[in-house]
């Protein structure tokens, strides 16, 4: 299935949030730095989404303290926060159930 064909598939905000947290956690674990919203939308496995939707979800995660905002407009980058890392490590053992839904 091509990346563009994902555009017509309905992806819930909840599944996208889990994907975003997973990717930010993995990037942090590999020692990679913070990334932009556009970078998140182009990660392997990410269903095709508009930057605006991903930005809204990342900002929601930031408001909950799970993601850190680094920099300021127009060079805003995001990384997983300590609270987000702890949340992911605590819950990832049951989150594999959602992988089949992707």
Protein backbone atom coordinates (compact mmCIF):
# COMPACT_ATOMS: atom_id res chain seq x y z
CA UNK A 1 0.00 0.00 0.00
CA UNK A 2 1.51 3.31 -0.99
CA UNK A 3 1.94 6.15 1.48
CA UNK A 4 -0.63 8.27 -0.38
CA UNK A 5 -3.32 5.59 -0.11
CA UNK A 6 -3.32 6.10 3.67
CA UNK A 7 -4.78 9.58 3.12
CA UNK A 8 -8.26 8.18 2.61
CA UNK A 9 -8.15 5.85 5.56
CA UNK A 10 -9.67 7.11 8.81
CA UNK A 11 -7.04 7.26 11.55
CA UNK A 12 -8.30 8.20 14.98
CA UNK A 13 -6.53 10.86 17.00
CA UNK A 14 -5.90 8.23 19.68
CA UNK A 15 -3.97 5.92 17.34
CA UNK A 16 -1.97 8.82 15.94
CA UNK A 17 -1.11 9.98 19.48
CA UNK A 18 0.17 6.50 20.32
CA UNK A 19 2.23 6.44 17.13
CA UNK A 20 3.67 9.89 17.84
CA UNK A 21 4.59 8.99 21.44
CA UNK A 22 6.13 5.72 20.27
CA UNK A 23 8.26 7.46 17.65
CA UNK A 24 9.38 10.25 19.99
CA UNK A 25 10.26 7.65 22.63
CA UNK A 26 12.29 5.60 20.13
CA UNK A 27 14.07 8.70 18.82
CA UNK A 28 14.97 9.70 22.39
CA UNK A 29 16.15 6.16 23.15
CA UNK A 30 18.45 6.25 20.09
CA UNK A 31 19.85 9.60 21.26
CA UNK A 32 18.37 11.61 18.41
CA UNK A 33 17.45 15.21 19.10
CA UNK A 34 14.06 16.90 19.02
CA UNK A 35 12.24 17.00 15.69
CA UNK A 36 9.78 19.21 13.86
CA UNK A 37 6.14 18.40 13.19
CA UNK A 38 6.97 17.90 9.52
CA UNK A 39 9.65 15.38 10.48
CA UNK A 40 7.07 13.46 12.53
CA UNK A 41 4.66 13.36 9.57
CA UNK A 42 7.36 11.83 7.37
CA UNK A 43 8.54 9.09 9.77
CA UNK A 44 8.45 5.54 8.37
CA UNK A 45 5.11 3.90 9.13
CA UNK A 46 3.33 7.18 9.85
CA UNK A 47 0.04 7.26 7.99
CA UNK A 48 -0.18 10.21 5.63
CA UNK A 49 -1.49 13.17 7.65
CA UNK A 50 -1.46 16.90 7.24
CA UNK A 51 1.09 18.75 9.34
CA UNK A 52 -1.73 20.78 10.92
CA UNK A 53 -3.38 17.68 12.39
CA UNK A 54 -0.10 16.31 13.76
CA UNK A 55 0.76 19.77 15.17
CA UNK A 56 -2.60 19.86 17.00
CA UNK A 57 -1.96 16.43 18.50
CA UNK A 58 1.63 17.22 19.51
CA UNK A 59 0.51 20.49 21.13
CA UNK A 60 -2.17 18.55 23.02
CA UNK A 61 0.53 16.14 24.26
CA UNK A 62 2.64 19.13 25.26
CA UNK A 63 -0.26 20.62 27.25
CA UNK A 64 -0.49 17.31 29.13
CA UNK A 65 3.23 17.37 29.90
CA UNK A 66 4.09 14.31 27.79
CA UNK A 67 6.04 16.23 25.16
CA UNK A 68 8.56 19.08 25.43
CA UNK A 69 8.51 22.04 23.06
CA UNK A 70 11.99 23.20 22.11
CA UNK A 71 12.57 26.51 20.36
CA UNK A 72 10.09 29.03 19.06
CA UNK A 73 8.23 29.72 15.83
CA UNK A 74 9.23 29.04 13.07
CA UNK A 75 11.84 26.59 14.44
CA UNK A 76 9.72 24.63 16.91
CA UNK A 77 10.95 21.13 17.70
CA UNK A 78 9.42 18.51 19.97
CA UNK A 79 10.80 15.69 22.09
CA UNK A 80 9.31 13.30 24.59
CA UNK A 81 9.38 14.65 28.15
CA UNK A 82 10.47 12.74 31.27
CA UNK A 83 6.78 12.28 32.14
CA UNK A 84 6.06 11.03 28.60
CA UNK A 85 8.97 8.60 28.80
CA UNK A 86 7.75 7.25 32.14
CA UNK A 87 4.16 6.97 30.82
CA UNK A 88 5.32 5.11 27.71
CA UNK A 89 7.52 2.69 29.69
CA UNK A 90 4.68 2.00 32.12
CA UNK A 91 2.03 1.36 29.46
CA UNK A 92 3.87 0.00 26.42
CA UNK A 93 3.44 -3.61 27.55
CA UNK A 94 -0.29 -3.41 26.75
CA UNK A 95 -0.07 -0.98 23.82
CA UNK A 96 1.05 -3.74 21.44
CA UNK A 97 -2.67 -4.51 21.14
CA UNK A 98 -3.06 -1.38 19.02
CA UNK A 99 -0.37 -2.36 16.52
CA UNK A 100 -2.80 -4.66 14.73
CA UNK A 101 -5.14 -1.71 14.22
CA UNK A 102 -2.56 0.25 12.22
